[in-house]
Amino acid sequence: MGEPVILTISAEGGFVTYELGEVKTQRLPEIKALLSRLAPTAKQTFVKVGGDIPFQEALDVISTCKLCGHSSVAWFPNDNGQ
C-alpha cells in the first residue's frame, strides 16, 4: 500500500475549494477522478474539513471517497486554516 491520501476542504470567496496533492479546485468531479485513480494504492484517506464547511458538504465528500474505492476514510477538523 502507498502513502495516505490527504484531501483538504475549505471555503474561499464563498466557494468550496478542494485540495488534493498539487491540485486545488472548486470542482468536485475533478477531485472524484483523482480519488478514483489513487484508490488502488491508498493506505488511508484523510479529509481535513475547514470549520466554515457545512456538515452535509463534508459528508458528501467522505461518501465520494468511499464510492471511489477508498476503504479507510477518516476526517478531522482543520481549524488552523491550512
PDB file of N, CA and C in Angstrom:
ATOM      1  N   MET A   1       0.841  -1.184   0.000  1.00  0.00           N
ATOM      2  CA  MET A   1       0.000   0.000   0.000  1.00  0.00           C
ATOM      3  C   MET A   1       0.878   1.237   0.000  1.00  0.00           C
ATOM      4  N   GLY A   2       0.348   2.315  -0.581  1.00  0.00           N
ATOM      5  CA  GLY A   2       1.094   3.555  -0.708  1.00  0.00           C
ATOM      6  C   GLY A   2       0.887   4.501   0.461  1.00  0.00           C
ATOM      7  N   GLU A   3       1.196   5.745   0.180  1.00  0.00           N
ATOM      8  CA  GLU A   3       1.067   6.806   1.180  1.00  0.00           C
ATOM      9  C   GLU A   3      -0.404   7.156   1.407  1.00  0.00           C
ATOM     10  N   PRO A   4      -0.705   7.749   2.551  1.00  0.00           N
ATOM     11  CA  PRO A   4      -2.077   8.196   2.785  1.00  0.00           C
ATOM     12  C   PRO A   4      -2.452   9.317   1.805  1.00  0.00           C
ATOM     13  N   VAL A   5      -3.725   9.398   1.490  1.00  0.00           N
ATOM     14  CA  VAL A   5      -4.266  10.475   0.672  1.00  0.00           C
ATOM     15  C   VAL A   5      -4.808  11.522   1.627  1.00  0.00           C
ATOM     16  N   ILE A   6      -4.454  12.788   1.398  1.00  0.00           N
ATOM     17  CA  ILE A   6      -4.941  13.875   2.249  1.00  0.00           C
ATOM     18  C   ILE A   6      -5.703  14.861   1.369  1.00  0.00           C
ATOM     19  N   LEU A   7      -6.989  14.999   1.647  1.00  0.00           N
ATOM     20  CA  LEU A   7      -7.866  15.906   0.917  1.00  0.00           C
ATOM     21  C   LEU A   7      -8.322  16.998   1.876  1.00  0.00           C
ATOM     22  N   THR A   8      -8.092  18.245   1.503  1.00  0.00           N
ATOM     23  CA  THR A   8      -8.485  19.385   2.329  1.00  0.00           C
ATOM     24  C   THR A   8      -9.663  20.096   1.687  1.00  0.00           C
ATOM     25  N   ILE A   9     -10.671  20.382   2.492  1.00  0.00           N
ATOM     26  CA  ILE A   9     -11.848  21.116   2.032  1.00  0.00           C
ATOM     27  C   ILE A   9     -11.905  22.430   2.802  1.00  0.00           C
ATOM     28  N   SER A  10     -12.010  23.537   2.076  1.00  0.00           N
ATOM     29  CA  SER A  10     -12.109  24.834   2.734  1.00  0.00           C
ATOM     30  C   SER A  10     -13.052  25.729   1.933  1.00  0.00           C
ATOM     31  N   ALA A  11     -13.399  26.853   2.504  1.00  0.00           N
ATOM     32  CA  ALA A  11     -14.232  27.837   1.811  1.00  0.00           C
ATOM     33  C   ALA A  11     -13.362  29.038   1.466  1.00  0.00           C
ATOM     34  N   GLU A  12     -13.385  29.398   0.196  1.00  0.00           N
ATOM     35  CA  GLU A  12     -12.614  30.550  -0.268  1.00  0.00           C
ATOM     36  C   GLU A  12     -13.509  31.402  -1.152  1.00  0.00           C
ATOM     37  N   GLY A  13     -13.720  32.640  -0.750  1.00  0.00           N
ATOM     38  CA  GLY A  13     -14.537  33.539  -1.548  1.00  0.00           C
ATOM     39  C   GLY A  13     -15.969  33.065  -1.721  1.00  0.00           C
ATOM     40  N   GLY A  14     -16.490  32.367  -0.732  1.00  0.00           N
ATOM     41  CA  GLY A  14     -17.855  31.875  -0.792  1.00  0.00           C
ATOM     42  C   GLY A  14     -18.024  30.572  -1.542  1.00  0.00           C
ATOM     43  N   PHE A  15     -16.935  29.973  -2.004  1.00  0.00           N
ATOM     44  CA  PHE A  15     -16.980  28.716  -2.736  1.00  0.00           C
ATOM     45  C   PHE A  15     -16.225  27.636  -1.975  1.00  0.00           C
ATOM     46  N   VAL A  16     -16.681  26.403  -2.108  1.00  0.00           N
ATOM     47  CA  VAL A  16     -15.973  25.272  -1.522  1.00  0.00           C
ATOM     48  C   VAL A  16     -14.776  24.958  -2.408  1.00  0.00           C
ATOM     49  N   THR A  17     -13.606  24.836  -1.780  1.00  0.00           N
ATOM     50  CA  THR A  17     -12.378  24.529  -2.509  1.00  0.00           C
ATOM     51  C   THR A  17     -11.823  23.214  -1.996  1.00  0.00           C
ATOM     52  N   TYR A  18     -11.388  22.371  -2.935  1.00  0.00           N
ATOM     53  CA  TYR A  18     -10.819  21.057  -2.629  1.00  0.00           C
ATOM     54  C   TYR A  18      -9.346  21.088  -3.002  1.00  0.00           C
ATOM     55  N   GLU A  19      -8.517  20.554  -2.124  1.00  0.00           N
ATOM     56  CA  GLU A  19      -7.086  20.473  -2.397  1.00  0.00           C
ATOM     57  C   GLU A  19      -6.629  19.033  -2.164  1.00  0.00           C
ATOM     58  N   LEU A  20      -6.057  18.452  -3.212  1.00  0.00           N
ATOM     59  CA  LEU A  20      -5.580  17.078  -3.165  1.00  0.00           C
ATOM     60  C   LEU A  20      -4.247  17.039  -3.887  1.00  0.00           C
ATOM     61  N   GLY A  21      -3.177  16.873  -3.113  1.00  0.00           N
ATOM     62  CA  GLY A  21      -1.843  16.909  -3.706  1.00  0.00           C
ATOM     63  C   GLY A  21      -1.578  18.265  -4.318  1.00  0.00           C
ATOM     64  N   GLU A  22      -1.190  18.279  -5.575  1.00  0.00           N
ATOM     65  CA  GLU A  22      -0.881  19.519  -6.287  1.00  0.00           C
ATOM     66  C   GLU A  22      -2.124  20.177  -6.884  1.00  0.00           C
ATOM     67  N   VAL A  23      -3.264  19.528  -6.770  1.00  0.00           N
ATOM     68  CA  VAL A  23      -4.489  20.022  -7.401  1.00  0.00           C
ATOM     69  C   VAL A  23      -5.331  20.791  -6.392  1.00  0.00           C
ATOM     70  N   LYS A  24      -5.706  22.010  -6.776  1.00  0.00           N
ATOM     71  CA  LYS A  24      -6.597  22.838  -5.970  1.00  0.00           C
ATOM     72  C   LYS A  24      -7.699  23.311  -6.909  1.00  0.00           C
ATOM     73  N   THR A  25      -8.954  22.950  -6.588  1.00  0.00           N
ATOM     74  CA  THR A  25     -10.062  23.225  -7.496  1.00  0.00           C
ATOM     75  C   THR A  25     -11.357  23.425  -6.724  1.00  0.00           C
ATOM     76  N   GLN A  26     -12.335  23.985  -7.402  1.00  0.00           N
ATOM     77  CA  GLN A  26     -13.679  24.105  -6.836  1.00  0.00           C
ATOM     78  C   GLN A  26     -14.616  23.105  -7.489  1.00  0.00           C
ATOM     79  N   ARG A  27     -14.069  22.202  -8.258  1.00  0.00           N
ATOM     80  CA  ARG A  27     -14.848  21.209  -8.998  1.00  0.00           C
ATOM     81  C   ARG A  27     -14.710  19.817  -8.369  1.00  0.00           C
ATOM     82  N   LEU A  28     -15.767  19.360  -7.716  1.00  0.00           N
ATOM     83  CA  LEU A  28     -15.741  18.038  -7.090  1.00  0.00           C
ATOM     84  C   LEU A  28     -15.532  16.913  -8.116  1.00  0.00           C
ATOM     85  N   PRO A  29     -16.088  16.993  -9.335  1.00  0.00           N
ATOM     86  CA  PRO A  29     -15.832  15.921 -10.307  1.00  0.00           C
ATOM     87  C   PRO A  29     -14.335  15.742 -10.620  1.00  0.00           C
ATOM     88  N   GLU A  30     -13.584  16.813 -10.605  1.00  0.00           N
ATOM     89  CA  GLU A  30     -12.134  16.718 -10.828  1.00  0.00           C
ATOM     90  C   GLU A  30     -11.464  15.959  -9.687  1.00  0.00           C
ATOM     91  N   ILE A  31     -11.874  16.255  -8.467  1.00  0.00           N
ATOM     92  CA  ILE A  31     -11.336  15.559  -7.296  1.00  0.00           C
ATOM     93  C   ILE A  31     -11.773  14.097  -7.317  1.00  0.00           C
ATOM     94  N   LYS A  32     -13.010  13.839  -7.721  1.00  0.00           N
ATOM     95  CA  LYS A  32     -13.512  12.463  -7.792  1.00  0.00           C
ATOM     96  C   LYS A  32     -12.662  11.626  -8.746  1.00  0.00           C
ATOM     97  N   ALA A  33     -12.296  12.204  -9.884  1.00  0.00           N
ATOM     98  CA  ALA A  33     -11.455  11.484 -10.847  1.00  0.00           C
ATOM     99  C   ALA A  33     -10.090  11.163 -10.238  1.00  0.00           C
ATOM    100  N   LEU A  34      -9.513  12.115  -9.519  1.00  0.00           N
ATOM    101  CA  LEU A  34      -8.221  11.880  -8.864  1.00  0.00           C
ATOM    102  C   LEU A  34      -8.339  10.804  -7.785  1.00  0.00           C
ATOM    103  N   LEU A  35      -9.404  10.883  -6.995  1.00  0.00           N
ATOM    104  CA  LEU A  35      -9.613   9.892  -5.941  1.00  0.00           C
ATOM    105  C   LEU A  35      -9.727   8.488  -6.522  1.00  0.00           C
ATOM    106  N   SER A  36     -10.415   8.372  -7.640  1.00  0.00           N
ATOM    107  CA  SER A  36     -10.564   7.058  -8.281  1.00  0.00           C
ATOM    108  C   SER A  36      -9.216   6.497  -8.717  1.00  0.00           C
ATOM    109  N   ARG A  37      -8.347   7.362  -9.237  1.00  0.00           N
ATOM    110  CA  ARG A  37      -7.018   6.905  -9.675  1.00  0.00           C
ATOM    111  C   ARG A  37      -6.129   6.536  -8.489  1.00  0.00           C
ATOM    112  N   LEU A  38      -6.313   7.202  -7.364  1.00  0.00           N
ATOM    113  CA  LEU A  38      -5.457   6.963  -6.196  1.00  0.00           C
ATOM    114  C   LEU A  38      -5.929   5.788  -5.334  1.00  0.00           C
ATOM    115  N   ALA A  39      -7.184   5.397  -5.461  1.00  0.00           N
ATOM    116  CA  ALA A  39      -7.764   4.378  -4.577  1.00  0.00           C
ATOM    117  C   ALA A  39      -6.974   3.075  -4.512  1.00  0.00           C
ATOM    118  N   PRO A  40      -6.506   2.525  -5.651  1.00  0.00           N
ATOM    119  CA  PRO A  40      -5.822   1.225  -5.563  1.00  0.00           C
ATOM    120  C   PRO A  40      -4.533   1.246  -4.741  1.00  0.00           C
ATOM    121  N   THR A  41      -3.911   2.408  -4.599  1.00  0.00           N
ATOM    122  CA  THR A  41      -2.636   2.469  -3.889  1.00  0.00           C
ATOM    123  C   THR A  41      -2.731   3.179  -2.539  1.00  0.00           C
ATOM    124  N   ALA A  42      -3.896   3.706  -2.196  1.00  0.00           N
ATOM    125  CA  ALA A  42      -4.037   4.488  -0.961  1.00  0.00           C
ATOM    126  C   ALA A  42      -3.998   3.596   0.273  1.00  0.00           C
ATOM    127  N   LYS A  43      -3.178   3.978   1.222  1.00  0.00           N
ATOM    128  CA  LYS A  43      -3.132   3.282   2.509  1.00  0.00           C
ATOM    129  C   LYS A  43      -4.344   3.687   3.341  1.00  0.00           C
ATOM    130  N   GLN A  44      -4.567   4.976   3.438  1.00  0.00           N
ATOM    131  CA  GLN A  44      -5.696   5.533   4.157  1.00  0.00           C
ATOM    132  C   GLN A  44      -5.981   6.907   3.566  1.00  0.00           C
ATOM    133  N   THR A  45      -7.209   7.367   3.701  1.00  0.00           N
ATOM    134  CA  THR A  45      -7.601   8.665   3.191  1.00  0.00           C
ATOM    135  C   THR A  45      -8.044   9.534   4.356  1.00  0.00           C
ATOM    136  N   PHE A  46      -7.477  10.722   4.427  1.00  0.00           N
ATOM    137  CA  PHE A  46      -7.832  11.692   5.460  1.00  0.00           C
ATOM    138  C   PHE A  46      -8.485  12.893   4.791  1.00  0.00           C
ATOM    139  N   VAL A  47      -9.613  13.332   5.334  1.00  0.00           N
ATOM    140  CA  VAL A  47     -10.302  14.504   4.831  1.00  0.00           C
ATOM    141  C   VAL A  47     -10.213  15.575   5.916  1.00  0.00           C
ATOM    142  N   LYS A  48      -9.507  16.654   5.603  1.00  0.00           N
ATOM    143  CA  LYS A  48      -9.366  17.787   6.522  1.00  0.00           C
ATOM    144  C   LYS A  48     -10.462  18.793   6.180  1.00  0.00           C
ATOM    145  N   VAL A  49     -11.360  19.034   7.124  1.00  0.00           N
ATOM    146  CA  VAL A  49     -12.543  19.853   6.877  1.00  0.00           C
ATOM    147  C   VAL A  49     -12.427  21.182   7.615  1.00  0.00           C
ATOM    148  N   GLY A  50     -12.477  22.276   6.853  1.00  0.00           N
ATOM    149  CA  GLY A  50     -12.451  23.615   7.447  1.00  0.00           C
ATOM    150  C   GLY A  50     -13.707  23.867   8.265  1.00  0.00           C
ATOM    151  N   GLY A  51     -13.586  24.663   9.306  1.00  0.00           N
ATOM    152  CA  GLY A  51     -14.704  24.954  10.195  1.00  0.00           C
ATOM    153  C   GLY A  51     -15.850  25.680   9.527  1.00  0.00           C
ATOM    154  N   ASP A  52     -15.590  26.257   8.365  1.00  0.00           N
ATOM    155  CA  ASP A  52     -16.623  27.001   7.654  1.00  0.00           C
ATOM    156  C   ASP A  52     -17.345  26.150   6.608  1.00  0.00           C
ATOM    157  N   ILE A  53     -17.071  24.862   6.590  1.00  0.00           N
ATOM    158  CA  ILE A  53     -17.695  23.948   5.641  1.00  0.00           C
ATOM    159  C   ILE A  53     -18.931  23.316   6.284  1.00  0.00           C
ATOM    160  N   PRO A  54     -20.095  23.373   5.618  1.00  0.00           N
ATOM    161  CA  PRO A  54     -21.292  22.740   6.172  1.00  0.00           C
ATOM    162  C   PRO A  54     -21.094  21.230   6.332  1.00  0.00           C
ATOM    163  N   PHE A  55     -21.710  20.682   7.352  1.00  0.00           N
ATOM    164  CA  PHE A  55     -21.580  19.259   7.650  1.00  0.00           C
ATOM    165  C   PHE A  55     -21.959  18.399   6.447  1.00  0.00           C
ATOM    166  N   GLN A  56     -23.055  18.754   5.770  1.00  0.00           N
ATOM    167  CA  GLN A  56     -23.521  17.949   4.636  1.00  0.00           C
ATOM    168  C   GLN A  56     -22.474  17.909   3.531  1.00  0.00           C
ATOM    169  N   GLU A  57     -21.782  19.012   3.284  1.00  0.00           N
ATOM    170  CA  GLU A  57     -20.722  19.042   2.270  1.00  0.00           C
ATOM    171  C   GLU A  57     -19.593  18.085   2.649  1.00  0.00           C
ATOM    172  N   ALA A  58     -19.195  18.118   3.922  1.00  0.00           N
ATOM    173  CA  ALA A  58     -18.147  17.203   4.390  1.00  0.00           C
ATOM    174  C   ALA A  58     -18.593  15.754   4.242  1.00  0.00           C
ATOM    175  N   LEU A  59     -19.823  15.472   4.594  1.00  0.00           N
ATOM    176  CA  LEU A  59     -20.356  14.119   4.475  1.00  0.00           C
ATOM    177  C   LEU A  59     -20.381  13.659   3.015  1.00  0.00           C
ATOM    178  N   ASP A  60     -20.756  14.563   2.114  1.00  0.00           N
ATOM    179  CA  ASP A  60     -20.772  14.236   0.683  1.00  0.00           C
ATOM    180  C   ASP A  60     -19.375  13.882   0.175  1.00  0.00           C
ATOM    181  N   VAL A  61     -18.376  14.604   0.628  1.00  0.00           N
ATOM    182  CA  VAL A  61     -17.004  14.339   0.186  1.00  0.00           C
ATOM    183  C   VAL A  61     -16.503  13.010   0.753  1.00  0.00           C
ATOM    184  N   ILE A  62     -16.810  12.728   1.997  1.00  0.00           N
ATOM    185  CA  ILE A  62     -16.413  11.452   2.605  1.00  0.00           C
ATOM    186  C   ILE A  62     -17.090  10.299   1.855  1.00  0.00           C
ATOM    187  N   SER A  63     -18.361  10.464   1.527  1.00  0.00           N
ATOM    188  CA  SER A  63     -19.075   9.442   0.743  1.00  0.00           C
ATOM    189  C   SER A  63     -18.455   9.276  -0.631  1.00  0.00           C
ATOM    190  N   THR A  64     -18.043  10.376  -1.246  1.00  0.00           N
ATOM    191  CA  THR A  64     -17.386  10.319  -2.550  1.00  0.00           C
ATOM    192  C   THR A  64     -16.099   9.507  -2.463  1.00  0.00           C
ATOM    193  N   CYS A  65     -15.324   9.717  -1.414  1.00  0.00           N
ATOM    194  CA  CYS A  65     -14.095   8.941  -1.220  1.00  0.00           C
ATOM    195  C   CYS A  65     -14.407   7.456  -1.174  1.00  0.00           C
ATOM    196  N   LYS A  66     -15.423   7.087  -0.403  1.00  0.00           N
ATOM    197  CA  LYS A  66     -15.806   5.676  -0.280  1.00  0.00           C
ATOM    198  C   LYS A  66     -16.266   5.118  -1.631  1.00  0.00           C
ATOM    199  N   LEU A  67     -17.079   5.893  -2.361  1.00  0.00           N
ATOM    200  CA  LEU A  67     -17.577   5.454  -3.665  1.00  0.00           C
ATOM    201  C   LEU A  67     -16.445   5.287  -4.684  1.00  0.00           C
ATOM    202  N   CYS A  68     -15.363   6.022  -4.491  1.00  0.00           N
ATOM    203  CA  CYS A  68     -14.213   5.938  -5.402  1.00  0.00           C
ATOM    204  C   CYS A  68     -13.274   4.791  -5.040  1.00  0.00           C
ATOM    205  N   GLY A  69     -13.604   4.027  -3.998  1.00  0.00           N
ATOM    206  CA  GLY A  69     -12.811   2.858  -3.656  1.00  0.00           C
ATOM    207  C   GLY A  69     -11.880   3.012  -2.471  1.00  0.00           C
ATOM    208  N   HIS A  70     -11.981   4.110  -1.763  1.00  0.00           N
ATOM    209  CA  HIS A  70     -11.149   4.320  -0.574  1.00  0.00           C
ATOM    210  C   HIS A  70     -11.855   3.665   0.607  1.00  0.00           C
ATOM    211  N   SER A  71     -11.310   2.566   1.079  1.00  0.00           N
ATOM    212  CA  SER A  71     -11.992   1.788   2.118  1.00  0.00           C
ATOM    213  C   SER A  71     -11.787   2.355   3.514  1.00  0.00           C
ATOM    214  N   SER A  72     -10.690   3.054   3.744  1.00  0.00           N
ATOM    215  CA  SER A  72     -10.402   3.598   5.062  1.00  0.00           C
ATOM    216  C   SER A  72     -10.348   5.121   4.970  1.00  0.00           C
ATOM    217  N   VAL A  73     -11.445   5.767   5.380  1.00  0.00           N
ATOM    218  CA  VAL A  73     -11.549   7.224   5.288  1.00  0.00           C
ATOM    219  C   VAL A  73     -11.804   7.778   6.678  1.00  0.00           C
ATOM    220  N   ALA A  74     -10.996   8.749   7.069  1.00  0.00           N
ATOM    221  CA  ALA A  74     -11.172   9.442   8.353  1.00  0.00           C
ATOM    222  C   ALA A  74     -11.222  10.939   8.083  1.00  0.00           C
ATOM    223  N   TRP A  75     -11.935  11.664   8.891  1.00  0.00           N
ATOM    224  CA  TRP A  75     -11.973  13.112   8.726  1.00  0.00           C
ATOM    225  C   TRP A  75     -11.609  13.765  10.050  1.00  0.00           C
ATOM    226  N   PHE A  76     -11.138  14.975   9.962  1.00  0.00           N
ATOM    227  CA  PHE A  76     -10.869  15.745  11.157  1.00  0.00           C
ATOM    228  C   PHE A  76     -10.995  17.221  10.844  1.00  0.00           C
ATOM    229  N   PRO A  77     -11.301  18.046  11.847  1.00  0.00           N
ATOM    230  CA  PRO A  77     -11.448  19.479  11.614  1.00  0.00           C
ATOM    231  C   PRO A  77     -10.088  20.101  11.290  1.00  0.00           C
ATOM    232  N   ASN A  78     -10.114  21.065  10.420  1.00  0.00           N
ATOM    233  CA  ASN A  78      -8.917  21.794  10.019  1.00  0.00           C
ATOM    234  C   ASN A  78      -9.091  23.225  10.479  1.00  0.00           C
ATOM    235  N   ASP A  79      -8.833  23.467  11.759  1.00  0.00           N
ATOM    236  CA  ASP A  79      -9.072  24.771  12.348  1.00  0.00           C
ATOM    237  C   ASP A  79      -7.943  25.765  12.148  1.00  0.00           C
ATOM    238  N   ASN A  80      -6.805  25.295  11.637  1.00  0.00           N
ATOM    239  CA  ASN A  80      -5.669  26.199  11.525  1.00  0.00           C
ATOM    240  C   ASN A  80      -5.603  26.903  10.183  1.00  0.00           C
ATOM    241  N   GLY A  81      -6.642  26.767   9.339  1.00  0.00           N
ATOM    242  CA  GLY A  81      -6.711  27.487   8.076  1.00  0.00           C
ATOM    243  C   GLY A  81      -5.837  26.925   6.978  1.00  0.00           C
ATOM    244  N   GLN A  82      -5.330  25.727   7.140  1.00  0.00           N
ATOM    245  CA  GLN A  82      -4.481  25.141   6.096  1.00  0.00           C
ATOM    246  C   GLN A  82      -5.193  24.016   5.402  1.00  0.00           C
TER     247      GLN A  82
END
